[in-house]
Amino acid sequence: MAQNKKTTHKIKIKSGDLVKVIAGNSKGVQGRVLQVLTDADRAIVEGANIIKKHTKPSAANPNGGIIEKEAAIHISNLVLIDPKTGEPTRVGRRVNAEGKIVRYAKKSGEEIK
């Protein structure tokens, strides 16, 4: 069922980035990226795309039951929040003064840490 596909483009979102969901059931939600799944072009965002998972009793969860957790969202449905203005922005890459390639917000030109 699962296909082994390779990504041919650069994923411009990294773990720890503040992003906004622009499509889907969680549209408009802002949160930090907890994990990026590069092979599937998806990311897990804090507080977005919440699913209910039915769990059996285990050592970690002795009662079992229904837990709510974040599911992965496709990266095309996420946009980075500009660190300077707080608005959604696209991401560019450029060489800084030290000769390192850094990401920057296209709206304000601010470097993304």
PDB file of N, CA and C in Angstrom:
ATOM      1  N   MET A   1       0.815  -1.192   0.000  1.00  0.00           N
ATOM      2  CA  MET A   1       0.000   0.000   0.000  1.00  0.00           C
ATOM      3  C   MET A   1       0.858   1.256   0.000  1.00  0.00           C
ATOM      4  N   ALA A   2       1.784   1.362   0.958  1.00  0.00           N
ATOM      5  CA  ALA A   2       2.617   2.567   1.069  1.00  0.00           C
ATOM      6  C   ALA A   2       3.663   2.564  -0.044  1.00  0.00           C
ATOM      7  N   GLN A   3       3.732   3.678  -0.742  1.00  0.00           N
ATOM      8  CA  GLN A   3       4.705   3.791  -1.818  1.00  0.00           C
ATOM      9  C   GLN A   3       5.953   4.493  -1.310  1.00  0.00           C
ATOM     10  N   ASN A   4       7.087   4.083  -1.834  1.00  0.00           N
ATOM     11  CA  ASN A   4       8.351   4.734  -1.476  1.00  0.00           C
ATOM     12  C   ASN A   4       8.631   5.819  -2.495  1.00  0.00           C
ATOM     13  N   LYS A   5       8.192   7.048  -2.197  1.00  0.00           N
ATOM     14  CA  LYS A   5       8.426   8.144  -3.127  1.00  0.00           C
ATOM     15  C   LYS A   5       9.468   9.089  -2.553  1.00  0.00           C
ATOM     16  N   LYS A   6      10.292   9.615  -3.409  1.00  0.00           N
ATOM     17  CA  LYS A   6      11.324  10.560  -3.003  1.00  0.00           C
ATOM     18  C   LYS A   6      10.840  11.970  -3.308  1.00  0.00           C
ATOM     19  N   THR A   7      11.114  12.906  -2.386  1.00  0.00           N
ATOM     20  CA  THR A   7      10.750  14.290  -2.647  1.00  0.00           C
ATOM     21  C   THR A   7      11.801  14.909  -3.552  1.00  0.00           C
ATOM     22  N   THR A   8      11.329  15.714  -4.499  1.00  0.00           N
ATOM     23  CA  THR A   8      12.251  16.355  -5.433  1.00  0.00           C
ATOM     24  C   THR A   8      12.371  17.842  -5.156  1.00  0.00           C
ATOM     25  N   HIS A   9      11.656  18.321  -4.126  1.00  0.00           N
ATOM     26  CA  HIS A   9      11.701  19.744  -3.803  1.00  0.00           C
ATOM     27  C   HIS A   9      12.200  19.946  -2.382  1.00  0.00           C
ATOM     28  N   LYS A  10      12.594  21.169  -2.099  1.00  0.00           N
ATOM     29  CA  LYS A  10      13.108  21.521  -0.777  1.00  0.00           C
ATOM     30  C   LYS A  10      11.937  21.824   0.151  1.00  0.00           C
ATOM     31  N   ILE A  11      11.899  21.137   1.307  1.00  0.00           N
ATOM     32  CA  ILE A  11      10.884  21.445   2.309  1.00  0.00           C
ATOM     33  C   ILE A  11      11.376  22.646   3.104  1.00  0.00           C
ATOM     34  N   LYS A  12      10.577  23.725   3.098  1.00  0.00           N
ATOM     35  CA  LYS A  12      11.032  24.989   3.676  1.00  0.00           C
ATOM     36  C   LYS A  12      10.566  25.185   5.108  1.00  0.00           C
ATOM     37  N   ILE A  13       9.886  24.180   5.671  1.00  0.00           N
ATOM     38  CA  ILE A  13       9.406  24.248   7.051  1.00  0.00           C
ATOM     39  C   ILE A  13      10.228  23.284   7.887  1.00  0.00           C
ATOM     40  N   LYS A  14      10.664  23.751   9.061  1.00  0.00           N
ATOM     41  CA  LYS A  14      11.473  22.921   9.945  1.00  0.00           C
ATOM     42  C   LYS A  14      10.789  22.780  11.302  1.00  0.00           C
ATOM     43  N   SER A  15      11.235  21.821  12.106  1.00  0.00           N
ATOM     44  CA  SER A  15      10.697  21.644  13.453  1.00  0.00           C
ATOM     45  C   SER A  15      10.944  22.904  14.274  1.00  0.00           C
ATOM     46  N   GLY A  16       9.941  23.315  15.042  1.00  0.00           N
ATOM     47  CA  GLY A  16      10.061  24.504  15.873  1.00  0.00           C
ATOM     48  C   GLY A  16       9.550  25.773  15.225  1.00  0.00           C
ATOM     49  N   ASP A  17       9.270  25.751  13.920  1.00  0.00           N
ATOM     50  CA  ASP A  17       8.747  26.932  13.229  1.00  0.00           C
ATOM     51  C   ASP A  17       7.308  27.209  13.662  1.00  0.00           C
ATOM     52  N   LEU A  18       6.937  28.476  13.669  1.00  0.00           N
ATOM     53  CA  LEU A  18       5.552  28.867  13.911  1.00  0.00           C
ATOM     54  C   LEU A  18       4.859  28.941  12.557  1.00  0.00           C
ATOM     55  N   VAL A  19       3.788  28.135  12.383  1.00  0.00           N
ATOM     56  CA  VAL A  19       3.103  28.067  11.100  1.00  0.00           C
ATOM     57  C   VAL A  19       1.608  28.290  11.282  1.00  0.00           C
ATOM     58  N   LYS A  20       0.938  28.582  10.163  1.00  0.00           N
ATOM     59  CA  LYS A  20      -0.514  28.724  10.145  1.00  0.00           C
ATOM     60  C   LYS A  20      -1.060  27.717   9.142  1.00  0.00           C
ATOM     61  N   VAL A  21      -2.171  27.067   9.498  1.00  0.00           N
ATOM     62  CA  VAL A  21      -2.824  26.112   8.605  1.00  0.00           C
ATOM     63  C   VAL A  21      -3.735  26.908   7.679  1.00  0.00           C
ATOM     64  N   ILE A  22      -3.575  26.728   6.351  1.00  0.00           N
ATOM     65  CA  ILE A  22      -4.339  27.521   5.390  1.00  0.00           C
ATOM     66  C   ILE A  22      -5.419  26.716   4.684  1.00  0.00           C
ATOM     67  N   ALA A  23      -5.511  25.407   4.964  1.00  0.00           N
ATOM     68  CA  ALA A  23      -6.540  24.589   4.321  1.00  0.00           C
ATOM     69  C   ALA A  23      -6.873  23.399   5.204  1.00  0.00           C
ATOM     70  N   GLY A  24      -8.092  22.883   5.036  1.00  0.00           N
ATOM     71  CA  GLY A  24      -8.513  21.710   5.784  1.00  0.00           C
ATOM     72  C   GLY A  24      -9.374  22.065   6.986  1.00  0.00           C
ATOM     73  N   ASN A  25      -9.684  21.070   7.811  1.00  0.00           N
ATOM     74  CA  ASN A  25     -10.560  21.262   8.962  1.00  0.00           C
ATOM     75  C   ASN A  25      -9.965  22.188  10.007  1.00  0.00           C
ATOM     76  N   SER A  26      -8.643  22.262  10.096  1.00  0.00           N
ATOM     77  CA  SER A  26      -7.973  23.105  11.088  1.00  0.00           C
ATOM     78  C   SER A  26      -7.561  24.454  10.510  1.00  0.00           C
ATOM     79  N   LYS A  27      -8.211  24.892   9.436  1.00  0.00           N
ATOM     80  CA  LYS A  27      -7.843  26.141   8.764  1.00  0.00           C
ATOM     81  C   LYS A  27      -7.855  27.306   9.748  1.00  0.00           C
ATOM     82  N   GLY A  28      -6.783  28.113   9.732  1.00  0.00           N
ATOM     83  CA  GLY A  28      -6.681  29.279  10.600  1.00  0.00           C
ATOM     84  C   GLY A  28      -5.928  29.037  11.891  1.00  0.00           C
ATOM     85  N   VAL A  29      -5.644  27.775  12.222  1.00  0.00           N
ATOM     86  CA  VAL A  29      -4.960  27.453  13.477  1.00  0.00           C
ATOM     87  C   VAL A  29      -3.466  27.750  13.333  1.00  0.00           C
ATOM     88  N   GLN A  30      -2.902  28.411  14.358  1.00  0.00           N
ATOM     89  CA  GLN A  30      -1.459  28.642  14.400  1.00  0.00           C
ATOM     90  C   GLN A  30      -0.848  27.734  15.449  1.00  0.00           C
ATOM     91  N   GLY A  31       0.344  27.231  15.182  1.00  0.00           N
ATOM     92  CA  GLY A  31       1.025  26.393  16.149  1.00  0.00           C
ATOM     93  C   GLY A  31       2.450  26.120  15.738  1.00  0.00           C
ATOM     94  N   ARG A  32       3.207  25.549  16.656  1.00  0.00           N
ATOM     95  CA  ARG A  32       4.598  25.178  16.388  1.00  0.00           C
ATOM     96  C   ARG A  32       4.650  23.811  15.702  1.00  0.00           C
ATOM     97  N   VAL A  33       5.618  23.652  14.805  1.00  0.00           N
ATOM     98  CA  VAL A  33       5.823  22.372  14.139  1.00  0.00           C
ATOM     99  C   VAL A  33       6.560  21.461  15.113  1.00  0.00           C
ATOM    100  N   LEU A  34       5.946  20.326  15.437  1.00  0.00           N
ATOM    101  CA  LEU A  34       6.561  19.375  16.359  1.00  0.00           C
ATOM    102  C   LEU A  34       7.506  18.426  15.629  1.00  0.00           C
ATOM    103  N   GLN A  35       7.122  18.046  14.402  1.00  0.00           N
ATOM    104  CA  GLN A  35       7.913  17.078  13.648  1.00  0.00           C
ATOM    105  C   GLN A  35       7.636  17.257  12.170  1.00  0.00           C
ATOM    106  N   VAL A  36       8.658  17.053  11.337  1.00  0.00           N
ATOM    107  CA  VAL A  36       8.486  17.099   9.888  1.00  0.00           C
ATOM    108  C   VAL A  36       8.770  15.705   9.344  1.00  0.00           C
ATOM    109  N   LEU A  37       7.814  15.161   8.592  1.00  0.00           N
ATOM    110  CA  LEU A  37       7.958  13.837   7.984  1.00  0.00           C
ATOM    111  C   LEU A  37       8.329  14.050   6.520  1.00  0.00           C
ATOM    112  N   THR A  38       9.638  14.094   6.239  1.00  0.00           N
ATOM    113  CA  THR A  38      10.113  14.477   4.907  1.00  0.00           C
ATOM    114  C   THR A  38       9.717  13.464   3.843  1.00  0.00           C
ATOM    115  N   ASP A  39       9.689  12.188   4.163  1.00  0.00           N
ATOM    116  CA  ASP A  39       9.381  11.178   3.147  1.00  0.00           C
ATOM    117  C   ASP A  39       7.930  11.261   2.683  1.00  0.00           C
ATOM    118  N   ALA A  40       7.028  11.766   3.535  1.00  0.00           N
ATOM    119  CA  ALA A  40       5.608  11.869   3.188  1.00  0.00           C
ATOM    120  C   ALA A  40       5.180  13.306   2.901  1.00  0.00           C
ATOM    121  N   ASP A  41       6.113  14.269   2.939  1.00  0.00           N
ATOM    122  CA  ASP A  41       5.801  15.696   2.740  1.00  0.00           C
ATOM    123  C   ASP A  41       4.756  16.190   3.721  1.00  0.00           C
ATOM    124  N   ARG A  42       4.839  15.763   4.960  1.00  0.00           N
ATOM    125  CA  ARG A  42       3.858  16.131   5.975  1.00  0.00           C
ATOM    126  C   ARG A  42       4.550  16.656   7.225  1.00  0.00           C
ATOM    127  N   ALA A  43       3.778  17.361   8.047  1.00  0.00           N
ATOM    128  CA  ALA A  43       4.299  17.886   9.306  1.00  0.00           C
ATOM    129  C   ALA A  43       3.232  17.742  10.380  1.00  0.00           C
ATOM    130  N   ILE A  44       3.672  17.585  11.632  1.00  0.00           N
ATOM    131  CA  ILE A  44       2.765  17.527  12.761  1.00  0.00           C
ATOM    132  C   ILE A  44       2.831  18.880  13.458  1.00  0.00           C
ATOM    133  N   VAL A  45       1.664  19.551  13.554  1.00  0.00           N
ATOM    134  CA  VAL A  45       1.585  20.896  14.114  1.00  0.00           C
ATOM    135  C   VAL A  45       0.838  20.836  15.437  1.00  0.00           C
ATOM    136  N   GLU A  46       1.399  21.505  16.449  1.00  0.00           N
ATOM    137  CA  GLU A  46       0.823  21.538  17.787  1.00  0.00           C
ATOM    138  C   GLU A  46      -0.573  22.170  17.765  1.00  0.00           C
ATOM    139  N   GLY A  47      -1.584  21.419  18.215  1.00  0.00           N
ATOM    140  CA  GLY A  47      -2.941  21.932  18.327  1.00  0.00           C
ATOM    141  C   GLY A  47      -3.752  21.915  17.044  1.00  0.00           C
ATOM    142  N   ALA A  48      -3.206  21.388  15.953  1.00  0.00           N
ATOM    143  CA  ALA A  48      -3.931  21.355  14.681  1.00  0.00           C
ATOM    144  C   ALA A  48      -4.160  19.915  14.240  1.00  0.00           C
ATOM    145  N   ASN A  49      -5.259  19.688  13.513  1.00  0.00           N
ATOM    146  CA  ASN A  49      -5.609  18.373  12.971  1.00  0.00           C
ATOM    147  C   ASN A  49      -5.682  17.319  14.079  1.00  0.00           C
ATOM    148  N   ILE A  50      -6.480  17.598  15.099  1.00  0.00           N
ATOM    149  CA  ILE A  50      -6.623  16.696  16.250  1.00  0.00           C
ATOM    150  C   ILE A  50      -7.492  15.502  15.854  1.00  0.00           C
ATOM    151  N   ILE A  51      -7.018  14.302  16.160  1.00  0.00           N
ATOM    152  CA  ILE A  51      -7.776  13.076  15.915  1.00  0.00           C
ATOM    153  C   ILE A  51      -7.999  12.357  17.239  1.00  0.00           C
ATOM    154  N   LYS A  52      -9.005  11.497  17.271  1.00  0.00           N
ATOM    155  CA  LYS A  52      -9.258  10.661  18.440  1.00  0.00           C
ATOM    156  C   LYS A  52      -8.740   9.268  18.126  1.00  0.00           C
ATOM    157  N   LYS A  53      -7.861   8.755  18.984  1.00  0.00           N
ATOM    158  CA  LYS A  53      -7.265   7.441  18.766  1.00  0.00           C
ATOM    159  C   LYS A  53      -7.722   6.506  19.877  1.00  0.00           C
ATOM    160  N   HIS A  54      -8.286   5.373  19.503  1.00  0.00           N
ATOM    161  CA  HIS A  54      -8.738   4.373  20.464  1.00  0.00           C
ATOM    162  C   HIS A  54      -7.542   3.498  20.825  1.00  0.00           C
ATOM    163  N   THR A  55      -7.218   3.412  22.106  1.00  0.00           N
ATOM    164  CA  THR A  55      -6.031   2.667  22.529  1.00  0.00           C
ATOM    165  C   THR A  55      -6.404   1.529  23.475  1.00  0.00           C
ATOM    166  N   LYS A  56      -5.704   0.432  23.321  1.00  0.00           N
ATOM    167  CA  LYS A  56      -5.854  -0.698  24.245  1.00  0.00           C
ATOM    168  C   LYS A  56      -5.069  -0.392  25.507  1.00  0.00           C
ATOM    169  N   PRO A  57      -5.430  -1.021  26.625  1.00  0.00           N
ATOM    170  CA  PRO A  57      -4.621  -0.849  27.835  1.00  0.00           C
ATOM    171  C   PRO A  57      -3.195  -1.333  27.610  1.00  0.00           C
ATOM    172  N   SER A  58      -2.228  -0.555  28.096  1.00  0.00           N
ATOM    173  CA  SER A  58      -0.815  -0.924  27.975  1.00  0.00           C
ATOM    174  C   SER A  58      -0.094  -0.442  29.218  1.00  0.00           C
ATOM    175  N   ALA A  59       1.209  -0.677  29.266  1.00  0.00           N
ATOM    176  CA  ALA A  59       1.996  -0.232  30.423  1.00  0.00           C
ATOM    177  C   ALA A  59       1.989   1.290  30.518  1.00  0.00           C
ATOM    178  N   ALA A  60       2.063   1.967  29.378  1.00  0.00           N
ATOM    179  CA  ALA A  60       2.086   3.426  29.376  1.00  0.00           C
ATOM    180  C   ALA A  60       0.705   4.012  29.683  1.00  0.00           C
ATOM    181  N   ASN A  61      -0.341   3.335  29.228  1.00  0.00           N
ATOM    182  CA  ASN A  61      -1.714   3.807  29.426  1.00  0.00           C
ATOM    183  C   ASN A  61      -2.545   2.648  29.981  1.00  0.00           C
ATOM    184  N   PRO A  62      -2.525   2.417  31.315  1.00  0.00           N
ATOM    185  CA  PRO A  62      -3.129   1.205  31.881  1.00  0.00           C
ATOM    186  C   PRO A  62      -4.639   1.091  31.676  1.00  0.00           C
ATOM    187  N   ASN A  63      -5.337   2.209  31.540  1.00  0.00           N
ATOM    188  CA  ASN A  63      -6.789   2.140  31.354  1.00  0.00           C
ATOM    189  C   ASN A  63      -7.202   2.029  29.896  1.00  0.00           C
ATOM    190  N   GLY A  64      -6.317   2.377  28.982  1.00  0.00           N
ATOM    191  CA  GLY A  64      -6.706   2.417  27.576  1.00  0.00           C
ATOM    192  C   GLY A  64      -7.634   3.596  27.347  1.00  0.00           C
ATOM    193  N   GLY A  65      -8.543   3.468  26.398  1.00  0.00           N
ATOM    194  CA  GLY A  65      -9.525   4.515  26.158  1.00  0.00           C
ATOM    195  C   GLY A  65      -9.235   5.315  24.905  1.00  0.00           C
ATOM    196  N   ILE A  66      -9.846   6.501  24.842  1.00  0.00           N
ATOM    197  CA  ILE A  66      -9.724   7.359  23.662  1.00  0.00           C
ATOM    198  C   ILE A  66      -8.814   8.530  24.002  1.00  0.00           C
ATOM    199  N   ILE A  67      -7.734   8.685  23.233  1.00  0.00           N
ATOM    200  CA  ILE A  67      -6.827   9.817  23.435  1.00  0.00           C
ATOM    201  C   ILE A  67      -6.909  10.738  22.213  1.00  0.00           C
ATOM    202  N   GLU A  68      -6.692  12.014  22.449  1.00  0.00           N
ATOM    203  CA  GLU A  68      -6.662  12.972  21.346  1.00  0.00           C
ATOM    204  C   GLU A  68      -5.222  13.347  21.061  1.00  0.00           C
ATOM    205  N   LYS A  69      -4.851  13.309  19.786  1.00  0.00           N
ATOM    206  CA  LYS A  69      -3.483  13.659  19.409  1.00  0.00           C
ATOM    207  C   LYS A  69      -3.485  14.335  18.055  1.00  0.00           C
ATOM    208  N   GLU A  70      -2.356  14.981  17.734  1.00  0.00           N
ATOM    209  CA  GLU A  70      -2.222  15.670  16.458  1.00  0.00           C
ATOM    210  C   GLU A  70      -1.856  14.674  15.367  1.00  0.00           C
ATOM    211  N   ALA A  71      -2.491  14.816  14.219  1.00  0.00           N
ATOM    212  CA  ALA A  71      -2.150  14.011  13.050  1.00  0.00           C
ATOM    213  C   ALA A  71      -1.353  14.882  12.082  1.00  0.00           C
ATOM    214  N   ALA A  72      -0.676  14.236  11.141  1.00  0.00           N
ATOM    215  CA  ALA A  72       0.166  14.953  10.188  1.00  0.00           C
ATOM    216  C   ALA A  72      -0.681  15.720   9.172  1.00  0.00           C
ATOM    217  N   ILE A  73      -0.176  16.877   8.750  1.00  0.00           N
ATOM    218  CA  ILE A  73      -0.809  17.721   7.745  1.00  0.00           C
ATOM    219  C   ILE A  73       0.174  17.872   6.586  1.00  0.00           C
ATOM    220  N   HIS A  74      -0.333  17.883   5.364  1.00  0.00           N
ATOM    221  CA  HIS A  74       0.547  18.062   4.211  1.00  0.00           C
ATOM    222  C   HIS A  74       1.166  19.468   4.255  1.00  0.00           C
ATOM    223  N   ILE A  75       2.459  19.564   3.899  1.00  0.00           N
ATOM    224  CA  ILE A  75       3.165  20.845   4.025  1.00  0.00           C
ATOM    225  C   ILE A  75       2.625  21.921   3.098  1.00  0.00           C
ATOM    226  N   SER A  76       1.913  21.524   2.036  1.00  0.00           N
ATOM    227  CA  SER A  76       1.323  22.526   1.145  1.00  0.00           C
ATOM    228  C   SER A  76       0.183  23.269   1.835  1.00  0.00           C
ATOM    229  N   ASN A  77      -0.352  22.725   2.914  1.00  0.00           N
ATOM    230  CA  ASN A  77      -1.441  23.363   3.662  1.00  0.00           C
ATOM    231  C   ASN A  77      -0.929  24.202   4.826  1.00  0.00           C
ATOM    232  N   LEU A  78       0.385  24.395   4.909  1.00  0.00           N
ATOM    233  CA  LEU A  78       0.987  25.181   5.978  1.00  0.00           C
ATOM    234  C   LEU A  78       1.736  26.364   5.383  1.00  0.00           C
ATOM    235  N   VAL A  79       1.705  27.491   6.098  1.00  0.00           N
ATOM    236  CA  VAL A  79       2.484  28.654   5.681  1.00  0.00           C
ATOM    237  C   VAL A  79       3.195  29.204   6.912  1.00  0.00           C
ATOM    238  N   LEU A  80       4.435  29.608   6.735  1.00  0.00           N
ATOM    239  CA  LEU A  80       5.243  30.108   7.841  1.00  0.00           C
ATOM    240  C   LEU A  80       4.768  31.486   8.288  1.00  0.00           C
ATOM    241  N   ILE A  81       4.856  31.754   9.590  1.00  0.00           N
ATOM    242  CA  ILE A  81       4.500  33.061  10.135  1.00  0.00           C
ATOM    243  C   ILE A  81       5.768  33.907  10.204  1.00  0.00           C
ATOM    244  N   ASP A  82       5.692  35.111   9.644  1.00  0.00           N
ATOM    245  CA  ASP A  82       6.821  36.040   9.626  1.00  0.00           C
ATOM    246  C   ASP A  82       7.202  36.420  11.056  1.00  0.00           C
ATOM    247  N   PRO A  83       8.472  36.253  11.466  1.00  0.00           N
ATOM    248  CA  PRO A  83       8.871  36.578  12.836  1.00  0.00           C
ATOM    249  C   PRO A  83       8.772  38.066  13.168  1.00  0.00           C
ATOM    250  N   LYS A  84       8.820  38.923  12.148  1.00  0.00           N
ATOM    251  CA  LYS A  84       8.796  40.369  12.374  1.00  0.00           C
ATOM    252  C   LYS A  84       7.368  40.912  12.457  1.00  0.00           C
ATOM    253  N   THR A  85       6.522  40.534  11.482  1.00  0.00           N
ATOM    254  CA  THR A  85       5.178  41.112  11.403  1.00  0.00           C
ATOM    255  C   THR A  85       4.087  40.215  11.965  1.00  0.00           C
ATOM    256  N   GLY A  86       4.331  38.918  12.069  1.00  0.00           N
ATOM    257  CA  GLY A  86       3.309  37.998  12.553  1.00  0.00           C
ATOM    258  C   GLY A  86       2.314  37.604  11.482  1.00  0.00           C
ATOM    259  N   GLU A  87       2.587  37.931  10.227  1.00  0.00           N
ATOM    260  CA  GLU A  87       1.708  37.582   9.113  1.00  0.00           C
ATOM    261  C   GLU A  87       2.261  36.377   8.363  1.00  0.00           C
ATOM    262  N   PRO A  88       1.402  35.659   7.636  1.00  0.00           N
ATOM    263  CA  PRO A  88       1.889  34.538   6.816  1.00  0.00           C
ATOM    264  C   PRO A  88       2.815  35.043   5.715  1.00  0.00           C
ATOM    265  N   THR A  89       3.851  34.279   5.433  1.00  0.00           N
ATOM    266  CA  THR A  89       4.814  34.683   4.411  1.00  0.00           C
ATOM    267  C   THR A  89       5.405  33.462   3.733  1.00  0.00           C
ATOM    268  N   ARG A  90       5.920  33.675   2.541  1.00  0.00           N
ATOM    269  CA  ARG A  90       6.661  32.609   1.865  1.00  0.00           C
ATOM    270  C   ARG A  90       8.105  32.637   2.358  1.00  0.00           C
ATOM    271  N   VAL A  91       8.822  31.558   2.049  1.00  0.00           N
ATOM    272  CA  VAL A  91      10.186  31.405   2.554  1.00  0.00           C
ATOM    273  C   VAL A  91      11.157  31.389   1.385  1.00  0.00           C
ATOM    274  N   GLY A  92      12.247  32.150   1.527  1.00  0.00           N
ATOM    275  CA  GLY A  92      13.303  32.134   0.529  1.00  0.00           C
ATOM    276  C   GLY A  92      14.605  31.671   1.172  1.00  0.00           C
ATOM    277  N   ARG A  93      15.599  31.422   0.322  1.00  0.00           N
ATOM    278  CA  ARG A  93      16.915  31.027   0.818  1.00  0.00           C
ATOM    279  C   ARG A  93      17.950  31.935   0.192  1.00  0.00           C
ATOM    280  N   ARG A  94      18.912  32.380   1.024  1.00  0.00           N
ATOM    281  CA  ARG A  94      19.992  33.221   0.511  1.00  0.00           C
ATOM    282  C   ARG A  94      21.241  32.998   1.345  1.00  0.00           C
ATOM    283  N   VAL A  95      22.349  33.482   0.841  1.00  0.00           N
ATOM    284  CA  VAL A  95      23.631  33.354   1.532  1.00  0.00           C
ATOM    285  C   VAL A  95      23.813  34.593   2.402  1.00  0.00           C
ATOM    286  N   ASN A  96      24.112  34.387   3.693  1.00  0.00           N
ATOM    287  CA  ASN A  96      24.302  35.528   4.599  1.00  0.00           C
ATOM    288  C   ASN A  96      25.761  35.985   4.595  1.00  0.00           C
ATOM    289  N   ALA A  97      26.105  36.910   5.469  1.00  0.00           N
ATOM    290  CA  ALA A  97      27.448  37.502   5.501  1.00  0.00           C
ATOM    291  C   ALA A  97      28.534  36.472   5.805  1.00  0.00           C
ATOM    292  N   GLU A  98      28.195  35.448   6.603  1.00  0.00           N
ATOM    293  CA  GLU A  98      29.193  34.417   6.941  1.00  0.00           C
ATOM    294  C   GLU A  98      29.326  33.354   5.861  1.00  0.00           C
ATOM    295  N   GLY A  99      28.527  33.450   4.805  1.00  0.00           N
ATOM    296  CA  GLY A  99      28.613  32.476   3.718  1.00  0.00           C
ATOM    297  C   GLY A  99      27.716  31.263   3.922  1.00  0.00           C
ATOM    298  N   LYS A 100      26.823  31.294   4.921  1.00  0.00           N
ATOM    299  CA  LYS A 100      25.898  30.186   5.171  1.00  0.00           C
ATOM    300  C   LYS A 100      24.577  30.453   4.471  1.00  0.00           C
ATOM    301  N   ILE A 101      23.926  29.386   4.007  1.00  0.00           N
ATOM    302  CA  ILE A 101      22.598  29.520   3.413  1.00  0.00           C
ATOM    303  C   ILE A 101      21.583  29.600   4.542  1.00  0.00           C
ATOM    304  N   VAL A 102      20.780  30.662   4.565  1.00  0.00           N
ATOM    305  CA  VAL A 102      19.775  30.855   5.613  1.00  0.00           C
ATOM    306  C   VAL A 102      18.399  31.051   4.967  1.00  0.00           C
ATOM    307  N   ARG A 103      17.374  30.759   5.739  1.00  0.00           N
ATOM    308  CA  ARG A 103      16.001  30.994   5.295  1.00  0.00           C
ATOM    309  C   ARG A 103      15.600  32.408   5.699  1.00  0.00           C
ATOM    310  N   TYR A 104      14.784  33.053   4.864  1.00  0.00           N
ATOM    311  CA  TYR A 104      14.309  34.396   5.207  1.00  0.00           C
ATOM    312  C   TYR A 104      12.849  34.537   4.788  1.00  0.00           C
ATOM    313  N   ALA A 105      12.135  35.422   5.487  1.00  0.00           N
ATOM    314  CA  ALA A 105      10.737  35.698   5.178  1.00  0.00           C
ATOM    315  C   ALA A 105      10.696  36.650   3.989  1.00  0.00           C
ATOM    316  N   LYS A 106       9.939  36.297   2.961  1.00  0.00           N
ATOM    317  CA  LYS A 106       9.914  37.115   1.743  1.00  0.00           C
ATOM    318  C   LYS A 106       9.201  38.446   1.958  1.00  0.00           C
ATOM    319  N   LYS A 107       8.223  38.519   2.895  1.00  0.00           N
ATOM    320  CA  LYS A 107       7.484  39.766   3.103  1.00  0.00           C
ATOM    321  C   LYS A 107       8.340  40.839   3.758  1.00  0.00           C
ATOM    322  N   SER A 108       9.075  40.463   4.824  1.00  0.00           N
ATOM    323  CA  SER A 108       9.825  41.468   5.561  1.00  0.00           C
ATOM    324  C   SER A 108      11.326  41.402   5.295  1.00  0.00           C
ATOM    325  N   GLY A 109      11.805  40.312   4.738  1.00  0.00           N
ATOM    326  CA  GLY A 109      13.235  40.136   4.525  1.00  0.00           C
ATOM    327  C   GLY A 109      13.962  39.669   5.785  1.00  0.00           C
ATOM    328  N   GLU A 110      13.211  39.448   6.868  1.00  0.00           N
ATOM    329  CA  GLU A 110      13.772  39.019   8.150  1.00  0.00           C
ATOM    330  C   GLU A 110      14.311  37.598   8.051  1.00  0.00           C
ATOM    331  N   GLU A 111      15.496  37.366   8.624  1.00  0.00           N
ATOM    332  CA  GLU A 111      16.075  36.025   8.650  1.00  0.00           C
ATOM    333  C   GLU A 111      15.321  35.149   9.650  1.00  0.00           C
ATOM    334  N   ILE A 112      15.058  33.901   9.257  1.00  0.00           N
ATOM    335  CA  ILE A 112      14.332  32.968  10.121  1.00  0.00           C
ATOM    336  C   ILE A 112      15.344  32.141  10.879  1.00  0.00           C
ATOM    337  N   LYS A 113      15.271  32.204  12.200  1.00  0.00           N
ATOM    338  CA  LYS A 113      16.216  31.470  13.039  1.00  0.00           C
ATOM    339  C   LYS A 113      15.801  30.020  13.155  1.00  0.00           C
TER     340      LYS A 113
END
